Amino acid sequence: SIKFGQPRGRPRPPGQPEMSALTTPAEQEIGLLPPLAQAPPSRTHRFAPKRSAAAAAVVAVVVLVLVGGISTRRSQLGGGASARDAVQLSAAQTLFCWCYITDGTYEQDIMRTQWERQIGVFQCDGAAVFSQSPLPLGAGFQTVGLGTGASTLGGKGADATPSWANTENFIRAWGALRSSGQYAGYNWVIKVDPDTVIVPSVLRDHIVTHGLNGPVNLYLNNCPGVTYGFFGSVEAMSQAAVGALVNNIDRCQHELQHGGWGEDLFVQKCMDSSGVGHQDDFALVKDGKCPGQNSQCAPGTPAFHPLKSVDAWLGCWTA
């Protein structure tokens, strides 16, 4: 079975066996492994600089004030919680991030850059990359090949989107994650588009400051002013929500008329029909595909989309 090690200095997710912080070459080549286990340290993102415990406490106080005041957050954290409590809660949030890339496109180049520099999805606590064919992204990493799965269901209907043709590929990816079970034990599972710049350390802080660090069964709507606001640039789902999704995905394929749906709409409606709740979180990502938003990179936001070249992606990361 596929195994995960854990990066040094990060807590092991509940339910994950204790293992070495380093994976074997065979485990690395599978495409499902913990980030930061092998590659050398990379440049720290400007939006999430390394900081001392004292500096982190100051940052946490500022964040708490910005979201409504320390007194409100202390109430949510259990009464009397300090800024250090917030820092500890943030550090305890474990993220499993994954994406699907199209073979031979700029997406492959962007993911290769993320792997080589150990940035983006590879700063999550666990990561996976899927594609049609197994693709080497650099020393010690190969994507998980799922075969060709272009949808043949059409692309028509009231809720049809231009991305309907790729839906089957993502359903296969969810099936692969269900079979491996490697998403289990993490607090949140984040499906990320390859052209999304994601900053995991900022996302961990975001989860805590928005009161989402407890056991919840929900996904996060990230685009306002539309009928279905679960946009695929960053699909954030709690552990319980993903469990409901993968346990019902076969039923959803048979019962839901999803021929014209993009993968994000299919996942959203499958979770809705499986008893998963949702919460609006329009500060999760700056998404230029969302009406009225843009992808301008600025401190404090967990993700930005779309950045469709290596230069654009790195420009956002290092701006």
Protein backbone atom coordinates (compact mmCIF):
# COMPACT_ATOMS: atom_id res chain seq x y z
CA SER A 1 0.00 0.00 0.00
CA ILE A 2 1.06 3.60 -0.50
CA LYS A 3 2.67 5.05 2.60
CA PHE A 4 3.28 8.55 3.84
CA GLY A 5 6.15 9.80 5.90
CA GLN A 6 5.76 13.08 7.73
CA PRO A 7 7.85 16.23 7.31
CA ARG A 8 9.99 16.97 10.31
CA GLY A 9 8.45 19.39 12.78
CA ARG A 10 4.82 18.77 11.79
CA PRO A 11 2.31 16.77 13.87
CA ARG A 12 1.29 13.38 12.51
CA PRO A 13 -2.41 13.37 11.51
CA PRO A 14 -4.61 11.18 13.72
CA GLY A 15 -4.90 7.69 12.34
CA GLN A 16 -1.66 7.83 10.36
CA PRO A 17 0.97 5.28 11.43
CA GLU A 18 4.29 6.51 12.74
CA MET A 19 6.92 6.36 10.01
CA SER A 20 10.28 7.76 9.07
CA ALA A 21 10.32 11.36 7.90
CA LEU A 22 11.98 10.14 4.70
CA THR A 23 10.26 8.07 2.05
CA THR A 24 11.90 5.34 0.03
CA PRO A 25 12.59 5.86 -3.70
CA ALA A 26 9.74 3.48 -4.55
CA GLU A 27 7.31 5.48 -2.45
CA GLN A 28 8.49 8.76 -3.97
CA GLU A 29 7.85 7.60 -7.51
CA ILE A 30 4.21 6.75 -6.85
CA GLY A 31 3.18 10.39 -6.71
CA LEU A 32 1.56 10.25 -3.27
CA LEU A 33 3.96 11.33 -0.56
CA PRO A 34 4.55 14.00 2.06
CA PRO A 35 6.06 17.27 0.90
CA LEU A 36 9.37 18.57 2.25
CA ALA A 37 10.62 15.06 2.96
CA GLN A 38 13.48 14.98 0.49
CA ALA A 39 14.01 18.23 -1.38
CA PRO A 40 16.26 20.96 0.04
CA PRO A 41 14.75 24.02 1.74
CA SER A 42 13.25 26.49 -0.69
CA ARG A 43 12.69 30.20 -0.67
CA THR A 44 10.02 31.09 1.83
CA HIS A 45 6.91 32.71 0.42
CA ARG A 46 6.73 36.43 1.09
CA PHE A 47 3.13 36.05 2.20
CA ALA A 48 4.11 33.49 4.84
CA PRO A 49 7.61 34.29 6.17
CA LYS A 50 9.22 32.15 8.83
CA ARG A 51 8.91 33.75 12.22
CA SER A 52 9.82 33.22 15.83
CA ALA A 53 7.23 32.20 18.40
CA ALA A 54 7.07 35.75 19.73
CA ALA A 55 6.66 37.22 16.27
CA ALA A 56 4.04 34.61 15.45
CA ALA A 57 2.08 35.60 18.53
CA VAL A 58 2.12 39.24 17.41
CA VAL A 59 0.92 38.23 13.93
CA ALA A 60 -1.84 36.13 15.46
CA VAL A 61 -3.03 39.09 17.54
CA VAL A 62 -3.16 41.27 14.43
CA VAL A 63 -5.09 38.60 12.53
CA LEU A 64 -7.58 38.18 15.36
CA VAL A 65 -8.19 41.91 15.51
CA LEU A 66 -8.72 42.08 11.74
CA VAL A 67 -11.43 39.41 11.83
CA GLY A 68 -13.47 40.99 14.55
CA GLY A 69 -11.52 41.42 17.76
CA ILE A 70 -9.64 39.32 20.26
CA SER A 71 -12.63 38.97 22.55
CA THR A 72 -14.67 37.30 19.79
CA ARG A 73 -11.92 34.86 18.88
CA ARG A 74 -11.26 34.05 22.54
CA SER A 75 -14.89 33.10 22.90
CA GLN A 76 -14.63 30.84 19.85
CA LEU A 77 -11.38 29.32 21.09
CA GLY A 78 -12.88 28.40 24.43
CA GLY A 79 -12.69 31.52 26.62
CA GLY A 80 -9.38 32.94 27.74
CA ALA A 81 -7.38 31.59 24.82
CA SER A 82 -4.31 33.66 24.02
CA ALA A 83 -2.60 34.55 20.78
CA ARG A 84 -0.27 31.64 21.42
CA ASP A 85 -3.31 29.34 21.50
CA ALA A 86 -4.23 30.62 18.04
CA VAL A 87 -0.72 29.93 16.79
CA GLN A 88 -0.84 26.39 18.19
CA LEU A 89 -4.25 25.76 16.65
CA SER A 90 -2.99 26.99 13.29
CA ALA A 91 0.05 24.72 13.45
CA ALA A 92 -2.19 21.75 14.27
CA GLN A 93 -4.31 22.08 11.13
CA THR A 94 -3.21 19.37 8.69
CA LEU A 95 -3.82 19.73 4.97
CA PHE A 96 -3.88 17.12 2.22
CA CYS A 97 -3.59 18.87 -1.15
CA TRP A 98 -3.94 17.35 -4.60
CA CYS A 99 -4.33 18.35 -8.20
CA TYR A 100 -4.84 16.89 -11.66
CA ILE A 101 -2.64 18.05 -14.53
CA THR A 102 -3.03 17.66 -18.28
CA ASP A 103 -0.12 15.86 -19.88
CA GLY A 104 2.30 17.94 -21.92
CA THR A 105 0.89 21.36 -21.01
CA TYR A 106 1.96 24.38 -18.96
CA GLU A 107 0.28 22.66 -16.02
CA GLN A 108 3.02 20.05 -16.00
CA ASP A 109 5.66 22.80 -16.04
CA ILE A 110 4.04 24.61 -13.11
CA MET A 111 3.81 21.44 -11.03
CA ARG A 112 7.41 20.51 -11.84
CA THR A 113 8.48 23.93 -10.56
CA GLN A 114 6.47 23.48 -7.37
CA TRP A 115 8.04 20.09 -6.72
CA GLU A 116 11.60 21.20 -7.47
CA ARG A 117 11.27 24.22 -5.16
CA GLN A 118 9.01 22.51 -2.60
CA ILE A 119 6.41 25.24 -2.75
CA GLY A 120 2.65 25.45 -3.34
CA VAL A 121 0.88 22.12 -2.83
CA PHE A 122 4.15 20.56 -1.65
CA GLN A 123 4.05 22.70 1.48
CA CYS A 124 0.86 20.92 2.54
CA ASP A 125 1.22 18.02 5.00
CA GLY A 126 0.41 15.48 2.30
CA ALA A 127 0.19 15.84 -1.47
CA ALA A 128 -0.83 13.95 -4.60
CA VAL A 129 -0.64 14.77 -8.30
CA PHE A 130 -2.66 12.90 -10.92
CA SER A 131 -2.46 12.90 -14.72
CA GLN A 132 -3.41 10.70 -17.66
CA SER A 133 0.03 9.07 -17.91
CA PRO A 134 2.66 8.78 -15.15
CA LEU A 135 4.81 11.89 -15.53
CA PRO A 136 8.16 12.61 -13.86
CA LEU A 137 8.14 16.02 -12.20
CA GLY A 138 11.75 15.88 -11.11
CA ALA A 139 14.08 13.83 -8.98
CA GLY A 140 12.10 11.44 -6.80
CA PHE A 141 8.56 12.27 -7.92
CA GLN A 142 6.20 10.86 -10.52
CA THR A 143 2.52 11.60 -10.95
CA VAL A 144 -0.17 8.93 -10.65
CA GLY A 145 -1.40 7.98 -14.10
CA LEU A 146 -5.15 7.39 -14.34
CA GLY A 147 -5.54 6.78 -18.07
CA THR A 148 -7.72 8.75 -20.47
CA GLY A 149 -11.13 9.50 -19.08
CA ALA A 150 -12.70 12.22 -21.21
CA SER A 151 -16.43 12.44 -20.56
CA THR A 152 -18.74 11.14 -23.26
CA LEU A 153 -21.92 12.33 -21.57
CA GLY A 154 -22.34 15.47 -23.65
CA GLY A 155 -22.15 18.99 -22.33
CA LYS A 156 -25.70 20.14 -22.47
CA GLY A 157 -28.23 21.19 -19.88
CA ALA A 158 -29.09 24.20 -17.77
CA ASP A 159 -26.02 23.84 -15.56
CA ALA A 160 -23.54 22.86 -18.29
CA THR A 161 -20.07 24.41 -18.09
CA PRO A 162 -17.12 24.48 -20.55
CA SER A 163 -15.12 22.18 -18.25
CA TRP A 164 -17.55 19.25 -18.46
CA ALA A 165 -15.18 17.20 -20.63
CA ASN A 166 -12.69 16.77 -17.77
CA THR A 167 -15.17 15.69 -15.12
CA GLU A 168 -14.51 11.98 -15.59
CA ASN A 169 -10.79 12.49 -14.99
CA PHE A 170 -11.46 14.07 -11.62
CA ILE A 171 -13.97 11.38 -10.67
CA ARG A 172 -11.21 8.85 -11.35
CA ALA A 173 -8.84 10.84 -9.15
CA TRP A 174 -11.33 10.82 -6.28
CA GLY A 175 -11.70 7.09 -6.78
CA ALA A 176 -7.94 6.64 -6.56
CA LEU A 177 -7.84 8.62 -3.33
CA ARG A 178 -10.68 6.51 -1.93
CA SER A 179 -8.80 3.32 -2.81
CA SER A 180 -5.53 4.47 -1.27
CA GLY A 181 -7.19 6.05 1.78
CA GLN A 182 -4.25 8.42 2.07
CA TYR A 183 -6.44 11.52 2.42
CA ALA A 184 -7.71 10.13 5.75
CA GLY A 185 -6.46 11.60 8.99
CA TYR A 186 -5.96 15.14 7.69
CA ASN A 187 -8.21 17.94 8.94
CA TRP A 188 -8.85 19.37 5.49
CA VAL A 189 -8.54 18.08 1.94
CA ILE A 190 -7.80 20.73 -0.68
CA LYS A 191 -8.17 20.07 -4.39
CA VAL A 192 -6.18 22.73 -6.21
CA ASP A 193 -5.99 23.68 -9.88
CA PRO A 194 -2.41 23.62 -11.20
CA ASP A 195 -2.61 27.31 -12.09
CA THR A 196 -3.64 28.23 -8.54
CA VAL A 197 -1.02 29.66 -6.22
CA ILE A 198 -1.81 28.19 -2.80
CA VAL A 199 -0.06 29.25 0.41
CA PRO A 200 -0.66 26.45 2.94
CA SER A 201 0.64 28.32 6.00
CA VAL A 202 -1.75 31.19 5.31
CA LEU A 203 -4.56 28.70 4.73
CA ARG A 204 -3.92 27.11 8.15
CA ASP A 205 -4.21 30.53 9.80
CA HIS A 206 -7.33 31.21 7.74
CA ILE A 207 -9.01 28.02 8.95
CA VAL A 208 -8.46 28.97 12.59
CA THR A 209 -9.45 32.63 12.32
CA HIS A 210 -12.68 31.63 10.60
CA GLY A 211 -13.58 29.16 13.35
CA LEU A 212 -13.19 26.08 11.13
CA ASN A 213 -10.60 24.22 13.19
CA GLY A 214 -13.07 21.95 14.99
CA PRO A 215 -14.72 18.75 13.73
CA VAL A 216 -16.99 19.97 10.94
CA ASN A 217 -18.77 18.36 8.00
CA LEU A 218 -18.75 21.01 5.31
CA TYR A 219 -17.20 22.46 2.19
CA LEU A 220 -16.41 26.11 1.51
CA ASN A 221 -18.14 28.16 -1.18
CA ASN A 222 -15.51 30.53 -2.56
CA CYS A 223 -17.28 32.65 -5.20
CA PRO A 224 -20.10 35.10 -4.34
CA GLY A 225 -22.99 36.19 -6.51
CA VAL A 226 -23.41 32.94 -8.46
CA THR A 227 -25.82 30.04 -8.13
CA TYR A 228 -23.11 27.49 -7.43
CA GLY A 229 -20.18 29.08 -5.60
CA PHE A 230 -17.90 26.07 -5.17
CA PHE A 231 -15.35 26.99 -7.82
CA GLY A 232 -12.67 24.47 -8.72
CA SER A 233 -9.62 26.71 -8.29
CA VAL A 234 -9.55 25.78 -4.58
CA GLU A 235 -11.97 23.12 -3.36
CA ALA A 236 -11.68 23.07 0.43
CA MET A 237 -13.46 20.21 2.20
CA SER A 238 -13.29 18.95 5.75
CA GLN A 239 -12.28 15.37 6.45
CA ALA A 240 -15.89 14.37 7.14
CA ALA A 241 -17.09 16.02 3.93
CA VAL A 242 -14.56 14.13 1.82
CA GLY A 243 -15.51 10.88 3.52
CA ALA A 244 -19.14 11.46 2.55
CA LEU A 245 -18.11 12.37 -0.99
CA VAL A 246 -15.97 9.34 -1.76
CA ASN A 247 -18.43 6.96 -0.08
CA ASN A 248 -21.25 8.28 -2.27
CA ILE A 249 -19.49 9.11 -5.51
CA ASP A 250 -20.65 5.93 -7.26
CA ARG A 251 -24.24 6.64 -6.29
CA CYS A 252 -23.89 10.23 -7.48
CA GLN A 253 -22.64 9.09 -10.88
CA HIS A 254 -25.76 6.98 -11.34
CA GLU A 255 -28.37 9.28 -9.78
CA LEU A 256 -27.24 12.79 -10.74
CA GLN A 257 -27.78 14.04 -14.28
CA HIS A 258 -24.27 15.43 -14.53
CA GLY A 259 -23.58 15.20 -18.27
CA GLY A 260 -22.88 18.91 -18.68
CA TRP A 261 -21.38 19.63 -15.29
CA GLY A 262 -17.84 20.60 -14.52
CA GLU A 263 -16.08 18.53 -11.87
CA ASP A 264 -16.57 21.19 -9.20
CA LEU A 265 -20.34 21.29 -9.71
CA PHE A 266 -20.51 17.49 -9.68
CA VAL A 267 -18.56 17.34 -6.40
CA GLN A 268 -20.68 20.10 -4.87
CA LYS A 269 -24.00 18.47 -5.76
CA CYS A 270 -22.76 15.05 -4.71
CA MET A 271 -21.83 16.41 -1.28
CA ASP A 272 -25.16 18.26 -1.04
CA SER A 273 -27.02 15.02 -1.72
CA SER A 274 -24.87 13.19 0.85
CA GLY A 275 -25.71 15.38 3.85
CA VAL A 276 -22.65 17.64 3.75
CA GLY A 277 -23.12 21.25 4.81
CA HIS A 278 -21.42 24.31 3.40
CA GLN A 279 -20.20 27.71 4.48
CA ASP A 280 -19.48 30.82 2.44
CA ASP A 281 -15.83 31.84 2.53
CA PHE A 282 -15.25 34.50 -0.08
CA ALA A 283 -11.82 35.39 1.32
CA LEU A 284 -10.43 31.92 0.53
CA VAL A 285 -9.14 32.73 -2.95
CA LYS A 286 -8.76 35.69 -5.29
CA ASP A 287 -10.12 34.09 -8.43
CA GLY A 288 -10.18 35.96 -11.72
CA LYS A 289 -12.75 33.45 -13.00
CA CYS A 290 -15.21 34.50 -10.29
CA PRO A 291 -17.40 37.46 -11.34
CA GLY A 292 -16.19 40.71 -9.82
CA GLN A 293 -12.89 39.26 -8.55
CA ASN A 294 -9.31 39.28 -9.78
CA SER A 295 -6.17 37.26 -9.15
CA GLN A 296 -4.06 40.16 -7.87
CA CYS A 297 -1.53 38.73 -5.44
CA ALA A 298 -1.45 40.37 -2.02
CA PRO A 299 -0.56 39.29 1.53
CA GLY A 300 -3.15 37.55 3.72
CA THR A 301 -5.06 35.55 1.10
CA PRO A 302 -4.59 31.76 1.01
CA ALA A 303 -4.81 31.36 -2.78
CA PHE A 304 -4.78 33.14 -6.15
CA HIS A 305 -6.08 32.04 -9.58
CA PRO A 306 -5.40 31.86 -12.49
CA LEU A 307 -1.63 32.07 -13.09
CA LYS A 308 -1.15 30.16 -16.32
CA SER A 309 2.61 30.12 -16.79
CA VAL A 310 5.63 29.31 -14.66
CA ASP A 311 6.72 32.96 -14.72
CA ALA A 312 3.28 34.21 -13.71
CA TRP A 313 2.95 31.59 -10.99
CA LEU A 314 6.38 32.31 -9.52
CA GLY A 315 5.80 36.04 -9.87
CA CYS A 316 2.78 35.71 -7.61
CA TRP A 317 4.59 33.43 -5.17
CA THR A 318 7.60 35.71 -4.78
CA ALA A 319 5.94 39.12 -5.27
